[in-house]
């Protein structure tokens, strides 16, 4: 979806490459075979922090006119053996779904 909008907005002025993995895209950026990587900002910040010359790379935000095209889904990572925490998280998520709190938060912060 986002690629379609980039092509419509920029036409032949840009060349879009799709990589099998984010790591492949980062390698291409490091080698200079591409000019930019579009990805999750948290992942990009982490990748940049691990670079020897992190100042060589700049993170910029998505143009505002495209912000409605991206819907990120995030997860919560916990240790597999932490069953108690997993149950508490699942219970809390189910509670805010059932009482309407989740719907209100999504509407308030994302307008959907």
C-alpha atoms as a PDB file:
ATOM      1  CA  UNK A   1       0.000   0.000   0.000  1.00  0.00           C
ATOM      2  CA  UNK A   2       2.696   2.483   1.015  1.00  0.00           C
ATOM      3  CA  UNK A   3       4.847   1.573  -2.006  1.00  0.00           C
ATOM      4  CA  UNK A   4       1.921   2.345  -4.301  1.00  0.00           C
ATOM      5  CA  UNK A   5       1.590   5.816  -2.763  1.00  0.00           C
ATOM      6  CA  UNK A   6       5.329   6.470  -3.042  1.00  0.00           C
ATOM      7  CA  UNK A   7       5.248   5.551  -6.730  1.00  0.00           C
ATOM      8  CA  UNK A   8       2.247   7.836  -7.300  1.00  0.00           C
ATOM      9  CA  UNK A   9       3.864  10.718  -5.432  1.00  0.00           C
ATOM     10  CA  UNK A  10       7.390  10.474  -6.857  1.00  0.00           C
ATOM     11  CA  UNK A  11       6.967   8.535 -10.103  1.00  0.00           C
ATOM     12  CA  UNK A  12      10.223   7.713 -11.864  1.00  0.00           C
ATOM     13  CA  UNK A  13      12.273  10.069  -9.678  1.00  0.00           C
ATOM     14  CA  UNK A  14      12.863   7.261  -7.186  1.00  0.00           C
ATOM     15  CA  UNK A  15      13.728   3.590  -7.479  1.00  0.00           C
ATOM     16  CA  UNK A  16      12.141   1.312  -4.888  1.00  0.00           C
ATOM     17  CA  UNK A  17      13.854  -1.909  -3.884  1.00  0.00           C
ATOM     18  CA  UNK A  18      12.300  -4.506  -1.626  1.00  0.00           C
ATOM     19  CA  UNK A  19      14.655  -6.669   0.434  1.00  0.00           C
ATOM     20  CA  UNK A  20      13.976 -10.119   1.890  1.00  0.00           C
ATOM     21  CA  UNK A  21      14.978  -8.898   5.361  1.00  0.00           C
ATOM     22  CA  UNK A  22      15.629  -5.608   7.116  1.00  0.00           C
ATOM     23  CA  UNK A  23      19.219  -6.732   7.647  1.00  0.00           C
ATOM     24  CA  UNK A  24      19.675  -6.970   3.880  1.00  0.00           C
ATOM     25  CA  UNK A  25      18.368  -3.421   3.511  1.00  0.00           C
ATOM     26  CA  UNK A  26      20.738  -2.132   6.196  1.00  0.00           C
ATOM     27  CA  UNK A  27      23.694  -3.838   4.507  1.00  0.00           C
ATOM     28  CA  UNK A  28      22.773  -2.170   1.217  1.00  0.00           C
ATOM     29  CA  UNK A  29      22.568   1.193   2.998  1.00  0.00           C
ATOM     30  CA  UNK A  30      25.971   0.648   4.615  1.00  0.00           C
ATOM     31  CA  UNK A  31      27.478  -0.261   1.220  1.00  0.00           C
ATOM     32  CA  UNK A  32      25.923   2.794  -0.389  1.00  0.00           C
ATOM     33  CA  UNK A  33      23.905   0.819  -2.944  1.00  0.00           C
ATOM     34  CA  UNK A  34      20.708   2.469  -1.675  1.00  0.00           C
ATOM     35  CA  UNK A  35      20.072   5.924  -0.247  1.00  0.00           C
ATOM     36  CA  UNK A  36      17.454   5.186   2.393  1.00  0.00           C
ATOM     37  CA  UNK A  37      15.585   2.510   4.321  1.00  0.00           C
ATOM     38  CA  UNK A  38      11.953   2.886   5.322  1.00  0.00           C
ATOM     39  CA  UNK A  39      11.138   0.932   8.458  1.00  0.00           C
ATOM     40  CA  UNK A  40       9.951   0.946  12.028  1.00  0.00           C
ATOM     41  CA  UNK A  41      11.530   3.892  13.848  1.00  0.00           C
ATOM     42  CA  UNK A  42      12.445   1.888  16.945  1.00  0.00           C
ATOM     43  CA  UNK A  43      14.217  -0.741  14.860  1.00  0.00           C
ATOM     44  CA  UNK A  44      16.006   1.932  12.844  1.00  0.00           C
ATOM     45  CA  UNK A  45      17.159   3.719  16.009  1.00  0.00           C
ATOM     46  CA  UNK A  46      18.504   0.467  17.421  1.00  0.00           C
ATOM     47  CA  UNK A  47      20.324  -0.345  14.171  1.00  0.00           C
ATOM     48  CA  UNK A  48      21.843   3.138  14.025  1.00  0.00           C
ATOM     49  CA  UNK A  49      22.997   2.923  17.654  1.00  0.00           C
ATOM     50  CA  UNK A  50      25.035  -0.179  16.775  1.00  0.00           C
ATOM     51  CA  UNK A  51      26.930   1.511  13.926  1.00  0.00           C
ATOM     52  CA  UNK A  52      30.553   2.552  14.445  1.00  0.00           C
ATOM     53  CA  UNK A  53      29.802   5.893  12.794  1.00  0.00           C
ATOM     54  CA  UNK A  54      26.183   6.410  13.813  1.00  0.00           C
ATOM     55  CA  UNK A  55      26.349  10.110  12.874  1.00  0.00           C
ATOM     56  CA  UNK A  56      26.698   9.006   9.264  1.00  0.00           C
ATOM     57  CA  UNK A  57      22.982   8.147   9.321  1.00  0.00           C
ATOM     58  CA  UNK A  58      20.044  10.419   9.996  1.00  0.00           C
ATOM     59  CA  UNK A  59      16.545   9.347  10.984  1.00  0.00           C
ATOM     60  CA  UNK A  60      13.679  11.381   9.599  1.00  0.00           C
ATOM     61  CA  UNK A  61       9.966  11.014  10.096  1.00  0.00           C
ATOM     62  CA  UNK A  62       7.354  10.009   7.589  1.00  0.00           C
ATOM     63  CA  UNK A  63       5.893  12.984   5.694  1.00  0.00           C
ATOM     64  CA  UNK A  64       2.640  14.000   7.392  1.00  0.00           C
ATOM     65  CA  UNK A  65       0.603  13.413   4.240  1.00  0.00           C
ATOM     66  CA  UNK A  66       1.433   9.686   4.498  1.00  0.00           C
ATOM     67  CA  UNK A  67       0.945   9.220   8.238  1.00  0.00           C
ATOM     68  CA  UNK A  68      -2.544   7.769   7.755  1.00  0.00           C
ATOM     69  CA  UNK A  69      -1.146   4.978   5.540  1.00  0.00           C
ATOM     70  CA  UNK A  70       0.859   3.299   8.254  1.00  0.00           C
ATOM     71  CA  UNK A  71      -0.620   1.247  11.074  1.00  0.00           C
ATOM     72  CA  UNK A  72       2.041  -0.387  13.195  1.00  0.00           C
ATOM     73  CA  UNK A  73       1.284  -3.465  15.205  1.00  0.00           C
ATOM     74  CA  UNK A  74       3.470  -3.912  18.229  1.00  0.00           C
ATOM     75  CA  UNK A  75       3.930  -6.791  20.586  1.00  0.00           C
ATOM     76  CA  UNK A  76       5.218  -7.222  24.087  1.00  0.00           C
ATOM     77  CA  UNK A  77       8.192  -9.517  24.543  1.00  0.00           C
ATOM     78  CA  UNK A  78       8.415 -11.493  27.767  1.00  0.00           C
ATOM     79  CA  UNK A  79      10.332 -14.570  28.829  1.00  0.00           C
ATOM     80  CA  UNK A  80       8.550 -17.772  27.801  1.00  0.00           C
ATOM     81  CA  UNK A  81       8.625 -19.123  31.329  1.00  0.00           C
ATOM     82  CA  UNK A  82       7.036 -16.001  32.861  1.00  0.00           C
ATOM     83  CA  UNK A  83       3.508 -17.423  32.753  1.00  0.00           C
ATOM     84  CA  UNK A  84       2.279 -15.196  35.574  1.00  0.00           C
ATOM     85  CA  UNK A  85       3.187 -11.988  33.733  1.00  0.00           C
ATOM     86  CA  UNK A  86       1.721 -13.300  30.472  1.00  0.00           C
ATOM     87  CA  UNK A  87      -1.576 -14.040  32.230  1.00  0.00           C
ATOM     88  CA  UNK A  88      -1.652 -10.561  33.810  1.00  0.00           C
ATOM     89  CA  UNK A  89      -0.970  -8.897  30.452  1.00  0.00           C
ATOM     90  CA  UNK A  90      -3.587 -10.984  28.658  1.00  0.00           C
ATOM     91  CA  UNK A  91      -6.146 -10.274  31.389  1.00  0.00           C
ATOM     92  CA  UNK A  92      -5.438  -6.537  31.213  1.00  0.00           C
ATOM     93  CA  UNK A  93      -5.707  -6.484  27.413  1.00  0.00           C
ATOM     94  CA  UNK A  94      -8.959  -8.435  27.496  1.00  0.00           C
ATOM     95  CA  UNK A  95     -10.340  -6.072  30.148  1.00  0.00           C
ATOM     96  CA  UNK A  96      -9.652  -2.885  28.159  1.00  0.00           C
ATOM     97  CA  UNK A  97     -11.088  -4.528  25.045  1.00  0.00           C
ATOM     98  CA  UNK A  98     -14.302  -5.560  26.793  1.00  0.00           C
ATOM     99  CA  UNK A  99     -14.935  -2.318  28.700  1.00  0.00           C
ATOM    100  CA  UNK A 100     -14.332  -0.069  25.663  1.00  0.00           C
ATOM    101  CA  UNK A 101     -11.147   1.557  26.978  1.00  0.00           C
ATOM    102  CA  UNK A 102      -9.040   0.247  24.093  1.00  0.00           C
ATOM    103  CA  UNK A 103     -11.488   1.626  21.527  1.00  0.00           C
ATOM    104  CA  UNK A 104     -11.430   5.033  23.267  1.00  0.00           C
ATOM    105  CA  UNK A 105      -7.615   5.109  23.354  1.00  0.00           C
ATOM    106  CA  UNK A 106      -7.328   4.213  19.675  1.00  0.00           C
ATOM    107  CA  UNK A 107      -9.842   6.908  18.767  1.00  0.00           C
ATOM    108  CA  UNK A 108      -8.132   9.508  20.975  1.00  0.00           C
ATOM    109  CA  UNK A 109      -4.577   8.899  19.774  1.00  0.00           C
ATOM    110  CA  UNK A 110      -5.061   7.579  16.232  1.00  0.00           C
ATOM    111  CA  UNK A 111      -8.435   8.985  15.207  1.00  0.00           C
ATOM    112  CA  UNK A 112      -9.729   5.600  14.050  1.00  0.00           C
END
